[in-house]
């Protein structure tokens, strides 16, 4: 997975567009049930946050390299926080 030039190694980037109504778009197939940002501009440690489909909720898309995901899975403190 590529890295973003200038991003601190081991760091994290967060992006969002709170004014873009991702679930309000209907292209003739019905209302969206999920949202993804697409395959471009992906790098290890990127989080994209969208307003969720339900009022007050959020959807989070997380991009991690396989190595980063494996390190998280082996981190007992992190995994305990998910329970």
C-alpha atoms as a PDB file:
ATOM      1  CA  UNK A   1       0.000   0.000   0.000  1.00  0.00           C
ATOM      2  CA  UNK A   2       1.489   3.399  -0.890  1.00  0.00           C
ATOM      3  CA  UNK A   3       2.406   5.957   1.712  1.00  0.00           C
ATOM      4  CA  UNK A   4       1.573   9.646   1.567  1.00  0.00           C
ATOM      5  CA  UNK A   5       4.635  11.824   1.187  1.00  0.00           C
ATOM      6  CA  UNK A   6       5.089  14.016   4.241  1.00  0.00           C
ATOM      7  CA  UNK A   7       2.966  11.821   6.516  1.00  0.00           C
ATOM      8  CA  UNK A   8       4.814  10.772   9.640  1.00  0.00           C
ATOM      9  CA  UNK A   9       5.624   7.056   9.569  1.00  0.00           C
ATOM     10  CA  UNK A  10       3.250   5.367  11.986  1.00  0.00           C
ATOM     11  CA  UNK A  11       0.947   8.376  11.797  1.00  0.00           C
ATOM     12  CA  UNK A  12      -2.669   8.624  10.768  1.00  0.00           C
ATOM     13  CA  UNK A  13      -4.621  10.890   8.420  1.00  0.00           C
ATOM     14  CA  UNK A  14      -8.334  11.637   8.703  1.00  0.00           C
ATOM     15  CA  UNK A  15     -10.594  12.965   5.966  1.00  0.00           C
ATOM     16  CA  UNK A  16     -14.272  13.766   5.792  1.00  0.00           C
ATOM     17  CA  UNK A  17     -16.817  15.932   4.034  1.00  0.00           C
ATOM     18  CA  UNK A  18     -19.604  16.649   6.524  1.00  0.00           C
ATOM     19  CA  UNK A  19     -21.546  18.739   3.985  1.00  0.00           C
ATOM     20  CA  UNK A  20     -21.715  16.005   1.340  1.00  0.00           C
ATOM     21  CA  UNK A  21     -24.892  13.981   1.852  1.00  0.00           C
ATOM     22  CA  UNK A  22     -23.534  10.596   0.744  1.00  0.00           C
ATOM     23  CA  UNK A  23     -26.765   8.775   1.569  1.00  0.00           C
ATOM     24  CA  UNK A  24     -28.974  11.417  -0.051  1.00  0.00           C
ATOM     25  CA  UNK A  25     -27.874  10.508  -3.590  1.00  0.00           C
ATOM     26  CA  UNK A  26     -30.031   8.240  -5.716  1.00  0.00           C
ATOM     27  CA  UNK A  27     -28.716   7.333  -9.158  1.00  0.00           C
ATOM     28  CA  UNK A  28     -31.784   5.308 -10.097  1.00  0.00           C
ATOM     29  CA  UNK A  29     -30.794   2.169  -8.176  1.00  0.00           C
ATOM     30  CA  UNK A  30     -32.400   3.207  -4.899  1.00  0.00           C
ATOM     31  CA  UNK A  31     -30.888   4.741  -1.799  1.00  0.00           C
ATOM     32  CA  UNK A  32     -27.326   3.672  -0.923  1.00  0.00           C
ATOM     33  CA  UNK A  33     -26.899   1.082   1.834  1.00  0.00           C
ATOM     34  CA  UNK A  34     -23.126   1.625   2.208  1.00  0.00           C
ATOM     35  CA  UNK A  35     -20.535   4.152   1.104  1.00  0.00           C
ATOM     36  CA  UNK A  36     -16.884   3.725   0.088  1.00  0.00           C
ATOM     37  CA  UNK A  37     -14.438   6.328  -1.168  1.00  0.00           C
ATOM     38  CA  UNK A  38     -13.201   4.286  -4.137  1.00  0.00           C
ATOM     39  CA  UNK A  39      -9.805   2.881  -4.969  1.00  0.00           C
ATOM     40  CA  UNK A  40      -7.874   6.122  -5.492  1.00  0.00           C
ATOM     41  CA  UNK A  41      -5.879   8.035  -2.883  1.00  0.00           C
ATOM     42  CA  UNK A  42      -5.477   5.085  -0.514  1.00  0.00           C
ATOM     43  CA  UNK A  43      -2.557   4.798   1.877  1.00  0.00           C
ATOM     44  CA  UNK A  44      -1.713   3.015   5.104  1.00  0.00           C
ATOM     45  CA  UNK A  45      -3.353   4.750   8.061  1.00  0.00           C
ATOM     46  CA  UNK A  46      -6.044   6.697   6.201  1.00  0.00           C
ATOM     47  CA  UNK A  47      -9.460   7.029   7.836  1.00  0.00           C
ATOM     48  CA  UNK A  48     -12.446   8.473   6.000  1.00  0.00           C
ATOM     49  CA  UNK A  49     -15.493   9.448   8.052  1.00  0.00           C
ATOM     50  CA  UNK A  50     -18.975   9.926   6.592  1.00  0.00           C
ATOM     51  CA  UNK A  51     -22.255  10.921   8.216  1.00  0.00           C
ATOM     52  CA  UNK A  52     -24.073   7.620   8.751  1.00  0.00           C
ATOM     53  CA  UNK A  53     -27.317   6.443   7.201  1.00  0.00           C
ATOM     54  CA  UNK A  54     -29.103   6.804  10.566  1.00  0.00           C
ATOM     55  CA  UNK A  55     -29.434  10.243  12.124  1.00  0.00           C
ATOM     56  CA  UNK A  56     -26.440  10.943  14.384  1.00  0.00           C
ATOM     57  CA  UNK A  57     -24.437   7.905  13.262  1.00  0.00           C
ATOM     58  CA  UNK A  58     -21.101   7.788  11.426  1.00  0.00           C
ATOM     59  CA  UNK A  59     -19.515   5.412   8.924  1.00  0.00           C
ATOM     60  CA  UNK A  60     -15.746   4.967   9.090  1.00  0.00           C
ATOM     61  CA  UNK A  61     -13.573   3.578   6.286  1.00  0.00           C
ATOM     62  CA  UNK A  62     -10.084   2.528   7.431  1.00  0.00           C
ATOM     63  CA  UNK A  63      -7.188   1.761   5.063  1.00  0.00           C
ATOM     64  CA  UNK A  64      -4.466  -0.424   6.564  1.00  0.00           C
ATOM     65  CA  UNK A  65      -1.654  -2.387   4.979  1.00  0.00           C
ATOM     66  CA  UNK A  66      -1.688  -6.122   5.720  1.00  0.00           C
ATOM     67  CA  UNK A  67       1.324  -5.599   8.009  1.00  0.00           C
ATOM     68  CA  UNK A  68      -0.419  -2.863  10.015  1.00  0.00           C
ATOM     69  CA  UNK A  69      -3.608  -4.930  10.306  1.00  0.00           C
ATOM     70  CA  UNK A  70      -1.573  -7.931  11.521  1.00  0.00           C
ATOM     71  CA  UNK A  71       0.142  -5.780  14.168  1.00  0.00           C
ATOM     72  CA  UNK A  72      -3.242  -4.528  15.393  1.00  0.00           C
ATOM     73  CA  UNK A  73      -4.616  -8.070  15.539  1.00  0.00           C
ATOM     74  CA  UNK A  74      -1.652  -9.171  17.666  1.00  0.00           C
ATOM     75  CA  UNK A  75      -2.006  -6.194  20.052  1.00  0.00           C
ATOM     76  CA  UNK A  76      -3.889  -7.649  23.037  1.00  0.00           C
ATOM     77  CA  UNK A  77      -4.772  -4.232  24.495  1.00  0.00           C
ATOM     78  CA  UNK A  78      -6.274  -3.085  21.175  1.00  0.00           C
ATOM     79  CA  UNK A  79      -8.231  -6.315  20.696  1.00  0.00           C
ATOM     80  CA  UNK A  80      -9.544  -6.173  24.286  1.00  0.00           C
ATOM     81  CA  UNK A  81     -10.866  -2.658  23.629  1.00  0.00           C
ATOM     82  CA  UNK A  82     -12.980  -4.040  20.762  1.00  0.00           C
ATOM     83  CA  UNK A  83     -14.828  -6.529  22.971  1.00  0.00           C
END
